[in-house]
Amino acid sequence: MLTITIPGDEGWDPEKEEFVSLSSPVTLKLEHSLLSLAKWESKWHKPYFSEDKTDEEKIDYVRCMTVSKIVDPNVYYRLTKENMNAISRYIDDPATATKIYDLHKKQNQGKNVPKWAQKKNIQTAEVFYAAMFECNIPLEFEKRHLNHLLTLIKVCQERMNPSDKMSKRDQREWQRAQNAARKRKLGTKG
């Protein structure tokens, strides 16, 4: 969960000739989850991950992420650049220590994805819900951080359908790439 504070508004009072507070700061609690994604997609009727979003759509996703009770809708228009950067960092956070390395990228392309989704690369809330239910992940997980849930789905799918062993050629390629990366990191020639 992310907690941000949106600053209050100030305005000029010409009668008193001073700045006055028009609205007080507001603290919001946000959760980037499958539930937020489903709310946003049901309103905008398009996949969240497929296209660039307008400013209005971005602000509306923040509304959908909001867990705080009773928030004035005009508050979202006071989001600062720092608020939006914090929200972006939170959305991009993997929210897990698990790292999934696709060593068989060419071999596994499209594996565990329905054929209709492979062709169009459709990634909507319903596809994620379906994968969640196929993996027997309880519905309560729809409120967890979305990246954490998606990683859990990938891990479950991999455990249910382990990929084939790498060919000797792929093993050598992978080892060469690992050695090259270590050389670059350590600044050595071998």
Protein backbone atom coordinates (compact mmCIF):
# COMPACT_ATOMS: atom_id res chain seq x y z
CA MET A 1 0.00 0.00 0.00
CA LEU A 2 1.19 3.49 -0.83
CA THR A 3 0.31 6.53 1.25
CA ILE A 4 0.66 9.95 -0.37
CA THR A 5 -0.23 13.44 0.79
CA ILE A 6 -1.72 15.84 -1.72
CA PRO A 7 -0.96 19.43 -0.69
CA GLY A 8 -3.72 21.91 0.03
CA ASP A 9 -4.64 24.78 -2.24
CA GLU A 10 -3.84 28.43 -1.52
CA GLY A 11 -5.36 31.50 -3.04
CA TRP A 12 -5.05 35.27 -2.81
CA ASP A 13 -7.63 37.19 -0.79
CA PRO A 14 -7.65 40.72 -2.31
CA GLU A 15 -9.63 42.19 0.60
CA LYS A 16 -7.16 41.05 3.26
CA GLU A 17 -4.23 41.22 0.82
CA GLU A 18 -2.83 37.87 1.93
CA PHE A 19 -2.67 34.25 0.87
CA VAL A 20 -5.39 32.06 2.36
CA SER A 21 -5.89 28.35 2.52
CA LEU A 22 -8.64 27.23 0.13
CA SER A 23 -8.37 23.54 0.99
CA SER A 24 -6.37 21.45 3.41
CA PRO A 25 -3.88 18.68 2.50
CA VAL A 26 -5.38 15.23 1.88
CA THR A 27 -3.74 11.88 2.62
CA LEU A 28 -4.63 9.02 0.29
CA LYS A 29 -3.98 5.30 0.67
CA LEU A 30 -3.51 3.59 -2.70
CA GLU A 31 -3.30 -0.06 -3.75
CA HIS A 32 -2.18 -1.15 -7.25
CA SER A 33 -4.14 -4.38 -7.49
CA LEU A 34 -6.15 -6.57 -9.82
CA LEU A 35 -9.29 -5.06 -8.30
CA SER A 36 -8.10 -1.53 -9.23
CA LEU A 37 -7.28 -2.71 -12.73
CA ALA A 38 -10.72 -4.31 -13.15
CA LYS A 39 -12.46 -1.12 -11.96
CA TRP A 40 -10.49 1.02 -14.41
CA GLU A 41 -11.04 -1.33 -17.37
CA SER A 42 -14.77 -1.58 -16.66
CA LYS A 43 -15.01 2.21 -16.87
CA TRP A 44 -12.77 2.85 -19.89
CA HIS A 45 -13.54 -0.36 -21.85
CA LYS A 46 -9.96 -0.92 -22.95
CA PRO A 47 -6.98 -2.93 -21.67
CA TYR A 48 -4.91 -0.96 -19.14
CA PHE A 49 -1.59 -2.40 -20.39
CA SER A 50 -2.18 -1.99 -24.13
CA GLU A 51 -2.04 1.71 -24.94
CA ASP A 52 -0.80 5.07 -23.77
CA LYS A 53 -3.21 6.75 -21.43
CA THR A 54 -4.48 10.32 -21.40
CA ASP A 55 -3.96 12.46 -18.31
CA GLU A 56 -7.63 11.94 -17.41
CA GLU A 57 -7.23 8.14 -17.64
CA LYS A 58 -4.10 8.26 -15.46
CA ILE A 59 -5.87 10.33 -12.83
CA ASP A 60 -8.82 7.97 -12.97
CA TYR A 61 -6.53 4.99 -12.34
CA VAL A 62 -5.36 6.76 -9.17
CA ARG A 63 -9.05 7.08 -8.21
CA CYS A 64 -9.50 3.34 -8.82
CA MET A 65 -6.43 2.61 -6.67
CA THR A 66 -7.76 4.67 -3.76
CA VAL A 67 -8.57 2.64 -0.64
CA SER A 68 -9.28 5.71 1.54
CA LYS A 69 -12.90 6.38 2.37
CA ILE A 70 -14.89 9.37 1.03
CA VAL A 71 -12.52 11.43 -1.09
CA ASP A 72 -13.58 14.60 -2.88
CA PRO A 73 -13.16 13.88 -6.64
CA ASN A 74 -11.51 17.30 -7.16
CA VAL A 75 -8.61 16.27 -4.91
CA TYR A 76 -7.13 14.16 -7.72
CA TYR A 77 -6.60 17.26 -9.88
CA ARG A 78 -4.24 18.61 -7.20
CA LEU A 79 -1.82 15.67 -7.57
CA THR A 80 1.71 17.04 -7.86
CA LYS A 81 4.49 15.83 -10.11
CA GLU A 82 6.14 14.31 -7.01
CA ASN A 83 2.88 12.48 -6.17
CA MET A 84 2.67 11.07 -9.70
CA ASN A 85 6.34 10.02 -9.63
CA ALA A 86 5.79 8.21 -6.31
CA ILE A 87 2.73 6.48 -7.75
CA SER A 88 4.68 5.42 -10.87
CA ARG A 89 7.51 4.01 -8.75
CA TYR A 90 4.96 2.12 -6.65
CA ILE A 91 3.24 0.68 -9.73
CA ASP A 92 6.61 -0.40 -11.21
CA ASP A 93 7.81 -2.00 -7.95
CA PRO A 94 8.03 -5.80 -8.33
CA ALA A 95 6.69 -6.22 -4.74
CA THR A 96 8.49 -9.55 -4.40
CA ALA A 97 11.99 -11.00 -4.11
CA THR A 98 11.21 -13.63 -6.75
CA LYS A 99 12.87 -13.11 -10.10
CA ILE A 100 11.76 -15.13 -13.10
CA TYR A 101 14.37 -15.75 -15.74
CA ASP A 102 13.06 -17.00 -19.06
CA LEU A 103 15.98 -19.13 -20.23
CA HIS A 104 13.84 -20.77 -22.91
CA LYS A 105 12.39 -17.61 -24.42
CA LYS A 106 12.16 -18.94 -27.99
CA GLN A 107 10.93 -22.38 -26.93
CA ASN A 108 8.32 -21.14 -24.45
CA GLN A 109 6.91 -18.24 -26.38
CA GLY A 110 3.17 -18.27 -25.82
CA LYS A 111 3.24 -21.19 -23.39
CA ASN A 112 0.39 -21.20 -20.83
CA VAL A 113 -1.38 -18.39 -22.68
CA PRO A 114 -4.68 -19.06 -24.48
CA LYS A 115 -4.36 -19.06 -28.28
CA TRP A 116 -6.71 -16.09 -28.65
CA ALA A 117 -4.54 -14.07 -26.24
CA GLN A 118 -1.30 -15.08 -28.00
CA LYS A 119 -2.43 -13.64 -31.33
CA LYS A 120 -3.53 -10.26 -30.05
CA ASN A 121 -1.40 -10.08 -26.88
CA ILE A 122 -4.48 -9.24 -24.82
CA GLN A 123 -3.77 -8.65 -21.13
CA THR A 124 -6.91 -7.65 -19.30
CA ALA A 125 -8.19 -8.11 -15.78
CA GLU A 126 -10.30 -11.08 -16.92
CA VAL A 127 -7.24 -12.88 -18.33
CA PHE A 128 -5.47 -12.35 -15.00
CA TYR A 129 -8.52 -13.51 -13.02
CA ALA A 130 -8.74 -16.65 -15.20
CA ALA A 131 -5.05 -17.43 -14.63
CA MET A 132 -5.51 -16.80 -10.91
CA PHE A 133 -8.40 -19.28 -10.73
CA GLU A 134 -6.55 -21.85 -12.87
CA CYS A 135 -3.75 -21.73 -10.31
CA ASN A 136 -6.25 -22.04 -7.42
CA ILE A 137 -5.18 -18.69 -6.01
CA PRO A 138 -7.88 -17.39 -3.63
CA LEU A 139 -9.95 -14.37 -4.64
CA GLU A 140 -8.55 -12.36 -1.69
CA PHE A 141 -5.31 -12.01 -3.69
CA GLU A 142 -7.08 -9.55 -6.03
CA LYS A 143 -6.29 -6.88 -3.40
CA ARG A 144 -2.55 -7.63 -3.32
CA HIS A 145 -0.02 -5.62 -5.30
CA LEU A 146 -0.62 -6.52 -8.96
CA ASN A 147 3.04 -7.28 -9.75
CA HIS A 148 3.20 -9.63 -6.78
CA LEU A 149 0.08 -11.45 -7.99
CA LEU A 150 1.36 -11.73 -11.57
CA THR A 151 4.67 -13.16 -10.34
CA LEU A 152 2.78 -15.68 -8.21
CA ILE A 153 0.73 -16.71 -11.26
CA LYS A 154 3.90 -17.18 -13.33
CA VAL A 155 5.50 -19.27 -10.58
CA CYS A 156 2.38 -21.44 -10.26
CA GLN A 157 2.17 -21.93 -14.02
CA GLU A 158 5.84 -22.88 -14.18
CA ARG A 159 5.42 -25.38 -11.36
CA MET A 160 2.32 -26.90 -12.98
CA ASN A 161 3.95 -27.08 -16.43
CA PRO A 162 7.73 -27.33 -16.01
CA SER A 163 9.54 -26.45 -19.19
CA ASP A 164 11.70 -28.91 -21.08
CA LYS A 165 15.41 -29.11 -20.40
CA MET A 166 17.68 -26.78 -22.29
CA SER A 167 19.55 -28.16 -25.26
CA LYS A 168 23.34 -28.39 -24.99
CA ARG A 169 23.60 -25.48 -27.43
CA ASP A 170 21.26 -23.29 -25.33
CA GLN A 171 23.20 -24.22 -22.18
CA ARG A 172 26.47 -23.08 -23.82
CA GLU A 173 24.86 -19.82 -25.02
CA TRP A 174 23.46 -19.13 -21.58
CA GLN A 175 26.82 -19.87 -19.91
CA ARG A 176 28.64 -17.59 -22.40
CA ALA A 177 26.19 -14.78 -21.67
CA GLN A 178 26.60 -15.25 -17.89
CA ASN A 179 30.41 -15.21 -18.20
CA ALA A 180 30.32 -12.06 -20.36
CA ALA A 181 28.05 -10.33 -17.85
CA ARG A 182 30.38 -11.23 -14.96
CA LYS A 183 33.41 -9.95 -16.92
CA ARG A 184 31.67 -6.63 -17.57
CA LYS A 185 30.56 -6.33 -13.97
CA LEU A 186 34.01 -7.08 -12.56
CA GLY A 187 35.93 -5.27 -15.30
CA THR A 188 38.14 -8.25 -16.12
CA LYS A 189 39.18 -9.99 -19.33
CA GLY A 190 38.69 -13.51 -18.10
